[in-house]
Amino acid sequence: MKNKMIELHTSIEKLNNGYSTLWKEEMFLAWQWWLNVLLLLGPWVIWLILRKKESTNRLLLAGLFVYVITSTLDSMGVAYGLWFYLYTPLPYIHTFFMPWDLSSFPVMVMLLIQYKPNFSPLLKAVFFSLICAFVFEPLFIKLDVYVPLKWELYYGVPVYIIIYLIAHRVSRRGNFHELE
């Protein structure tokens, strides 16, 4: 088994080196790369301006949850050949550093949680899922940033709903007890 793992690791290393070379020659500094950088930083600037300062920690906890779940699901989707991304911000850890996972999705969820806090979480979740699945995903396909292979846009709707509803629940948690 060890020899098979060494062989697989060597293959993965060669693929990573090939991807890194392609990234440096074709992706880095292309206009789509700049778009990704803007989408990585822009939502956080907006959030810093619009956030309720007294709710910062609560919102960040919900945003962290969204990031962890979406980046994990994204990595799984790429690993299983359901989709892939072009013009990633970094060549190696690209699925854990995608703008929508690290920035756009968490910030959108945090703003939805913050505004109209007594409005139906289910309706907000449906709104979030429809915007993500039928506005953002097709837009990124047209911009040649996201390439679905074995994935239909509507597959994501229930996933986005569940992510939002759990993030909403996380944001409603009571105060934590102090560590002793």
C-alpha atoms as a PDB file:
ATOM      1  CA  MET A   1       0.000   0.000   0.000  1.00  0.00           C
ATOM      2  CA  LYS A   2       2.829   2.413   0.824  1.00  0.00           C
ATOM      3  CA  ASN A   3       4.239   2.167  -2.730  1.00  0.00           C
ATOM      4  CA  LYS A   4       0.805   2.846  -4.209  1.00  0.00           C
ATOM      5  CA  MET A   5       0.449   5.919  -1.986  1.00  0.00           C
ATOM      6  CA  ILE A   6       3.899   7.156  -3.031  1.00  0.00           C
ATOM      7  CA  GLU A   7       2.889   6.678  -6.670  1.00  0.00           C
ATOM      8  CA  LEU A   8      -0.382   8.575  -6.141  1.00  0.00           C
ATOM      9  CA  HIS A   9       1.390  11.350  -4.245  1.00  0.00           C
ATOM     10  CA  THR A  10       3.929  11.709  -7.063  1.00  0.00           C
ATOM     11  CA  SER A  11       1.072  11.986  -9.589  1.00  0.00           C
ATOM     12  CA  ILE A  12      -0.674  14.594  -7.467  1.00  0.00           C
ATOM     13  CA  GLU A  13       2.562  16.560  -7.123  1.00  0.00           C
ATOM     14  CA  LYS A  14       3.016  16.575 -10.923  1.00  0.00           C
ATOM     15  CA  LEU A  15      -0.592  17.732 -11.411  1.00  0.00           C
ATOM     16  CA  ASN A  16      -0.152  20.489  -8.821  1.00  0.00           C
ATOM     17  CA  ASN A  17       3.048  21.669 -10.512  1.00  0.00           C
ATOM     18  CA  GLY A  18       1.265  21.692 -13.881  1.00  0.00           C
ATOM     19  CA  TYR A  19      -1.644  23.637 -12.406  1.00  0.00           C
ATOM     20  CA  SER A  20       0.741  26.117 -10.780  1.00  0.00           C
ATOM     21  CA  THR A  21       2.517  26.710 -14.089  1.00  0.00           C
ATOM     22  CA  LEU A  22      -0.813  27.190 -15.901  1.00  0.00           C
ATOM     23  CA  TRP A  23      -1.983  29.550 -13.155  1.00  0.00           C
ATOM     24  CA  LYS A  24       1.160  31.708 -13.418  1.00  0.00           C
ATOM     25  CA  GLU A  25       1.090  31.820 -17.228  1.00  0.00           C
ATOM     26  CA  GLU A  26      -2.648  32.064 -17.964  1.00  0.00           C
ATOM     27  CA  MET A  27      -4.680  33.022 -14.888  1.00  0.00           C
ATOM     28  CA  PHE A  28      -2.634  35.332 -12.694  1.00  0.00           C
ATOM     29  CA  LEU A  29      -3.461  39.003 -13.347  1.00  0.00           C
ATOM     30  CA  ALA A  30      -6.111  38.222 -16.017  1.00  0.00           C
ATOM     31  CA  TRP A  31      -9.232  40.362 -15.674  1.00  0.00           C
ATOM     32  CA  GLN A  32     -11.110  37.372 -14.173  1.00  0.00           C
ATOM     33  CA  TRP A  33      -8.364  37.023 -11.573  1.00  0.00           C
ATOM     34  CA  TRP A  34      -8.834  40.695 -10.661  1.00  0.00           C
ATOM     35  CA  LEU A  35     -12.590  40.118 -10.460  1.00  0.00           C
ATOM     36  CA  ASN A  36     -11.958  37.295  -7.988  1.00  0.00           C
ATOM     37  CA  VAL A  37      -9.697  39.539  -5.894  1.00  0.00           C
ATOM     38  CA  LEU A  38     -12.371  42.256  -5.902  1.00  0.00           C
ATOM     39  CA  LEU A  39     -15.012  39.705  -4.885  1.00  0.00           C
ATOM     40  CA  LEU A  40     -12.698  38.490  -2.151  1.00  0.00           C
ATOM     41  CA  LEU A  41     -12.111  41.924  -0.602  1.00  0.00           C
ATOM     42  CA  GLY A  42     -15.115  44.040  -1.629  1.00  0.00           C
ATOM     43  CA  PRO A  43     -17.850  42.309   0.390  1.00  0.00           C
ATOM     44  CA  TRP A  44     -15.778  42.570   3.578  1.00  0.00           C
ATOM     45  CA  VAL A  45     -15.329  46.316   3.063  1.00  0.00           C
ATOM     46  CA  ILE A  46     -19.101  46.642   2.590  1.00  0.00           C
ATOM     47  CA  TRP A  47     -19.719  44.510   5.682  1.00  0.00           C
ATOM     48  CA  LEU A  48     -17.323  46.579   7.801  1.00  0.00           C
ATOM     49  CA  ILE A  49     -19.300  49.681   6.858  1.00  0.00           C
ATOM     50  CA  LEU A  50     -22.811  48.205   7.244  1.00  0.00           C
ATOM     51  CA  ARG A  51     -22.415  45.835  10.174  1.00  0.00           C
ATOM     52  CA  LYS A  52     -23.977  46.438  13.555  1.00  0.00           C
ATOM     53  CA  LYS A  53     -20.860  46.828  15.665  1.00  0.00           C
ATOM     54  CA  GLU A  54     -22.506  45.399  18.787  1.00  0.00           C
ATOM     55  CA  SER A  55     -23.366  42.221  16.820  1.00  0.00           C
ATOM     56  CA  THR A  56     -19.943  41.754  15.214  1.00  0.00           C
ATOM     57  CA  ASN A  57     -18.939  38.582  17.066  1.00  0.00           C
ATOM     58  CA  ARG A  58     -22.328  36.921  16.637  1.00  0.00           C
ATOM     59  CA  LEU A  59     -22.358  37.698  12.904  1.00  0.00           C
ATOM     60  CA  LEU A  60     -18.748  36.585  12.453  1.00  0.00           C
ATOM     61  CA  LEU A  61     -19.567  33.252  14.084  1.00  0.00           C
ATOM     62  CA  ALA A  62     -22.388  32.715  11.576  1.00  0.00           C
ATOM     63  CA  GLY A  63     -20.112  33.874   8.733  1.00  0.00           C
ATOM     64  CA  LEU A  64     -17.358  31.499   9.830  1.00  0.00           C
ATOM     65  CA  PHE A  65     -19.854  28.642   9.806  1.00  0.00           C
ATOM     66  CA  VAL A  66     -20.896  29.569   6.238  1.00  0.00           C
ATOM     67  CA  TYR A  67     -17.259  29.731   5.126  1.00  0.00           C
ATOM     68  CA  VAL A  68     -16.326  26.357   6.626  1.00  0.00           C
ATOM     69  CA  ILE A  69     -19.349  24.586   5.143  1.00  0.00           C
ATOM     70  CA  THR A  70     -19.224  26.192   1.675  1.00  0.00           C
ATOM     71  CA  SER A  71     -15.465  25.753   1.272  1.00  0.00           C
ATOM     72  CA  THR A  72     -15.707  22.122   2.384  1.00  0.00           C
ATOM     73  CA  LEU A  73     -18.578  21.424  -0.021  1.00  0.00           C
ATOM     74  CA  ASP A  74     -16.737  23.304  -2.770  1.00  0.00           C
ATOM     75  CA  SER A  75     -13.615  21.206  -2.253  1.00  0.00           C
ATOM     76  CA  MET A  76     -15.685  18.036  -2.353  1.00  0.00           C
ATOM     77  CA  GLY A  77     -17.411  19.166  -5.556  1.00  0.00           C
ATOM     78  CA  VAL A  78     -14.067  19.847  -7.229  1.00  0.00           C
ATOM     79  CA  ALA A  79     -12.574  16.585  -5.927  1.00  0.00           C
ATOM     80  CA  TYR A  80     -15.522  14.552  -7.251  1.00  0.00           C
ATOM     81  CA  GLY A  81     -15.439  16.273 -10.626  1.00  0.00           C
ATOM     82  CA  LEU A  82     -18.789  18.048 -10.283  1.00  0.00           C
ATOM     83  CA  TRP A  83     -17.296  21.463 -11.171  1.00  0.00           C
ATOM     84  CA  PHE A  84     -14.049  23.400 -11.253  1.00  0.00           C
ATOM     85  CA  TYR A  85     -12.891  27.009 -11.197  1.00  0.00           C
ATOM     86  CA  LEU A  86     -10.755  29.099 -13.497  1.00  0.00           C
ATOM     87  CA  TYR A  87      -8.762  32.157 -12.408  1.00  0.00           C
ATOM     88  CA  THR A  88      -8.427  31.176  -8.776  1.00  0.00           C
ATOM     89  CA  PRO A  89      -6.819  33.754  -6.460  1.00  0.00           C
ATOM     90  CA  LEU A  90      -4.061  31.337  -5.410  1.00  0.00           C
ATOM     91  CA  PRO A  91      -2.708  28.307  -7.252  1.00  0.00           C
ATOM     92  CA  TYR A  92      -2.606  25.720  -4.458  1.00  0.00           C
ATOM     93  CA  ILE A  93      -5.341  26.261  -1.914  1.00  0.00           C
ATOM     94  CA  HIS A  94      -7.820  27.554  -4.438  1.00  0.00           C
ATOM     95  CA  THR A  95     -10.954  25.777  -3.213  1.00  0.00           C
ATOM     96  CA  PHE A  96     -10.450  27.068   0.340  1.00  0.00           C
ATOM     97  CA  PHE A  97      -9.768  30.601  -0.852  1.00  0.00           C
ATOM     98  CA  MET A  98     -12.542  31.174  -3.352  1.00  0.00           C
ATOM     99  CA  PRO A  99     -14.162  34.622  -3.115  1.00  0.00           C
ATOM    100  CA  TRP A 100     -17.713  33.350  -2.779  1.00  0.00           C
ATOM    101  CA  ASP A 101     -16.819  30.868  -0.014  1.00  0.00           C
ATOM    102  CA  LEU A 102     -14.557  33.194   1.976  1.00  0.00           C
ATOM    103  CA  SER A 103     -16.328  36.454   1.262  1.00  0.00           C
ATOM    104  CA  SER A 104     -19.531  36.732  -0.789  1.00  0.00           C
ATOM    105  CA  PHE A 105     -21.591  33.950   0.819  1.00  0.00           C
ATOM    106  CA  PRO A 106     -20.638  34.690   4.448  1.00  0.00           C
ATOM    107  CA  VAL A 107     -21.133  38.441   4.031  1.00  0.00           C
ATOM    108  CA  MET A 108     -24.481  38.002   2.286  1.00  0.00           C
ATOM    109  CA  VAL A 109     -25.669  35.667   5.057  1.00  0.00           C
ATOM    110  CA  MET A 110     -24.436  38.023   7.785  1.00  0.00           C
ATOM    111  CA  LEU A 111     -26.224  40.992   6.206  1.00  0.00           C
ATOM    112  CA  LEU A 112     -29.429  38.988   5.756  1.00  0.00           C
ATOM    113  CA  ILE A 113     -29.277  37.925   9.405  1.00  0.00           C
ATOM    114  CA  GLN A 114     -28.600  41.491  10.538  1.00  0.00           C
ATOM    115  CA  TYR A 115     -31.327  43.270   8.577  1.00  0.00           C
ATOM    116  CA  LYS A 116     -34.965  42.625   9.433  1.00  0.00           C
ATOM    117  CA  PRO A 117     -33.942  40.188  12.204  1.00  0.00           C
ATOM    118  CA  ASN A 118     -37.554  39.209  12.928  1.00  0.00           C
ATOM    119  CA  PHE A 119     -38.383  38.454   9.302  1.00  0.00           C
ATOM    120  CA  SER A 120     -38.904  34.785   8.435  1.00  0.00           C
ATOM    121  CA  PRO A 121     -35.557  32.936   8.323  1.00  0.00           C
ATOM    122  CA  LEU A 122     -37.075  30.466   5.870  1.00  0.00           C
ATOM    123  CA  LEU A 123     -37.986  33.228   3.417  1.00  0.00           C
ATOM    124  CA  LYS A 124     -34.512  34.721   3.789  1.00  0.00           C
ATOM    125  CA  ALA A 125     -33.028  31.260   3.196  1.00  0.00           C
ATOM    126  CA  VAL A 126     -35.088  30.803   0.033  1.00  0.00           C
ATOM    127  CA  PHE A 127     -34.068  34.281  -1.167  1.00  0.00           C
ATOM    128  CA  PHE A 128     -30.396  33.518  -0.455  1.00  0.00           C
ATOM    129  CA  SER A 129     -30.556  30.169  -2.247  1.00  0.00           C
ATOM    130  CA  LEU A 130     -32.313  31.529  -5.333  1.00  0.00           C
ATOM    131  CA  ILE A 131     -29.849  34.420  -5.648  1.00  0.00           C
ATOM    132  CA  CYS A 132     -26.871  32.069  -5.253  1.00  0.00           C
ATOM    133  CA  ALA A 133     -28.161  29.331  -7.567  1.00  0.00           C
ATOM    134  CA  PHE A 134     -29.835  31.378 -10.291  1.00  0.00           C
ATOM    135  CA  VAL A 135     -27.966  34.700 -10.293  1.00  0.00           C
ATOM    136  CA  PHE A 136     -24.403  34.172  -9.025  1.00  0.00           C
ATOM    137  CA  GLU A 137     -23.734  30.731 -10.507  1.00  0.00           C
ATOM    138  CA  PRO A 138     -24.952  31.611 -14.052  1.00  0.00           C
ATOM    139  CA  LEU A 139     -23.077  34.914 -13.870  1.00  0.00           C
ATOM    140  CA  PHE A 140     -19.819  33.151 -12.977  1.00  0.00           C
ATOM    141  CA  ILE A 141     -20.425  30.629 -15.757  1.00  0.00           C
ATOM    142  CA  LYS A 142     -20.822  33.496 -18.263  1.00  0.00           C
ATOM    143  CA  LEU A 143     -17.696  35.185 -16.897  1.00  0.00           C
ATOM    144  CA  ASP A 144     -15.799  31.909 -17.412  1.00  0.00           C
ATOM    145  CA  VAL A 145     -14.848  31.627 -13.754  1.00  0.00           C
ATOM    146  CA  TYR A 146     -17.009  28.633 -12.785  1.00  0.00           C
ATOM    147  CA  VAL A 147     -17.391  25.503 -14.912  1.00  0.00           C
ATOM    148  CA  PRO A 148     -20.061  22.995 -13.837  1.00  0.00           C
ATOM    149  CA  LEU A 149     -19.408  19.510 -15.198  1.00  0.00           C
ATOM    150  CA  LYS A 150     -21.939  17.217 -13.514  1.00  0.00           C
ATOM    151  CA  TRP A 151     -23.957  19.848 -11.672  1.00  0.00           C
ATOM    152  CA  GLU A 152     -27.245  21.577 -12.409  1.00  0.00           C
ATOM    153  CA  LEU A 153     -27.976  25.004 -10.955  1.00  0.00           C
ATOM    154  CA  TYR A 154     -31.058  23.849  -9.081  1.00  0.00           C
ATOM    155  CA  TYR A 155     -29.095  21.179  -7.181  1.00  0.00           C
ATOM    156  CA  GLY A 156     -27.699  23.923  -4.954  1.00  0.00           C
ATOM    157  CA  VAL A 157     -31.051  25.386  -3.887  1.00  0.00           C
ATOM    158  CA  PRO A 158     -31.725  23.035  -0.947  1.00  0.00           C
ATOM    159  CA  VAL A 159     -28.050  23.146   0.054  1.00  0.00           C
ATOM    160  CA  TYR A 160     -28.049  26.955   0.225  1.00  0.00           C
ATOM    161  CA  ILE A 161     -31.340  26.923   2.166  1.00  0.00           C
ATOM    162  CA  ILE A 162     -29.914  24.541   4.761  1.00  0.00           C
ATOM    163  CA  ILE A 163     -26.666  26.523   5.042  1.00  0.00           C
ATOM    164  CA  TYR A 164     -28.588  29.745   5.652  1.00  0.00           C
ATOM    165  CA  LEU A 165     -30.975  28.204   8.183  1.00  0.00           C
ATOM    166  CA  ILE A 166     -28.144  26.673  10.216  1.00  0.00           C
ATOM    167  CA  ALA A 167     -26.146  29.927  10.064  1.00  0.00           C
ATOM    168  CA  HIS A 168     -29.242  31.776  11.271  1.00  0.00           C
ATOM    169  CA  ARG A 169     -29.551  29.319  14.158  1.00  0.00           C
ATOM    170  CA  VAL A 170     -25.852  29.713  15.003  1.00  0.00           C
ATOM    171  CA  SER A 171     -26.308  33.497  15.099  1.00  0.00           C
ATOM    172  CA  ARG A 172     -29.140  33.140  17.622  1.00  0.00           C
ATOM    173  CA  ARG A 173     -27.099  31.194  20.156  1.00  0.00           C
ATOM    174  CA  GLY A 174     -27.036  32.669  23.637  1.00  0.00           C
ATOM    175  CA  ASN A 175     -23.941  34.096  25.224  1.00  0.00           C
ATOM    176  CA  PHE A 176     -21.129  31.685  25.813  1.00  0.00           C
ATOM    177  CA  HIS A 177     -20.041  30.949  29.354  1.00  0.00           C
ATOM    178  CA  GLU A 178     -16.633  32.200  30.307  1.00  0.00           C
ATOM    179  CA  LEU A 179     -13.781  29.721  30.349  1.00  0.00           C
ATOM    180  CA  GLU A 180     -12.731  28.790  33.843  1.00  0.00           C
END
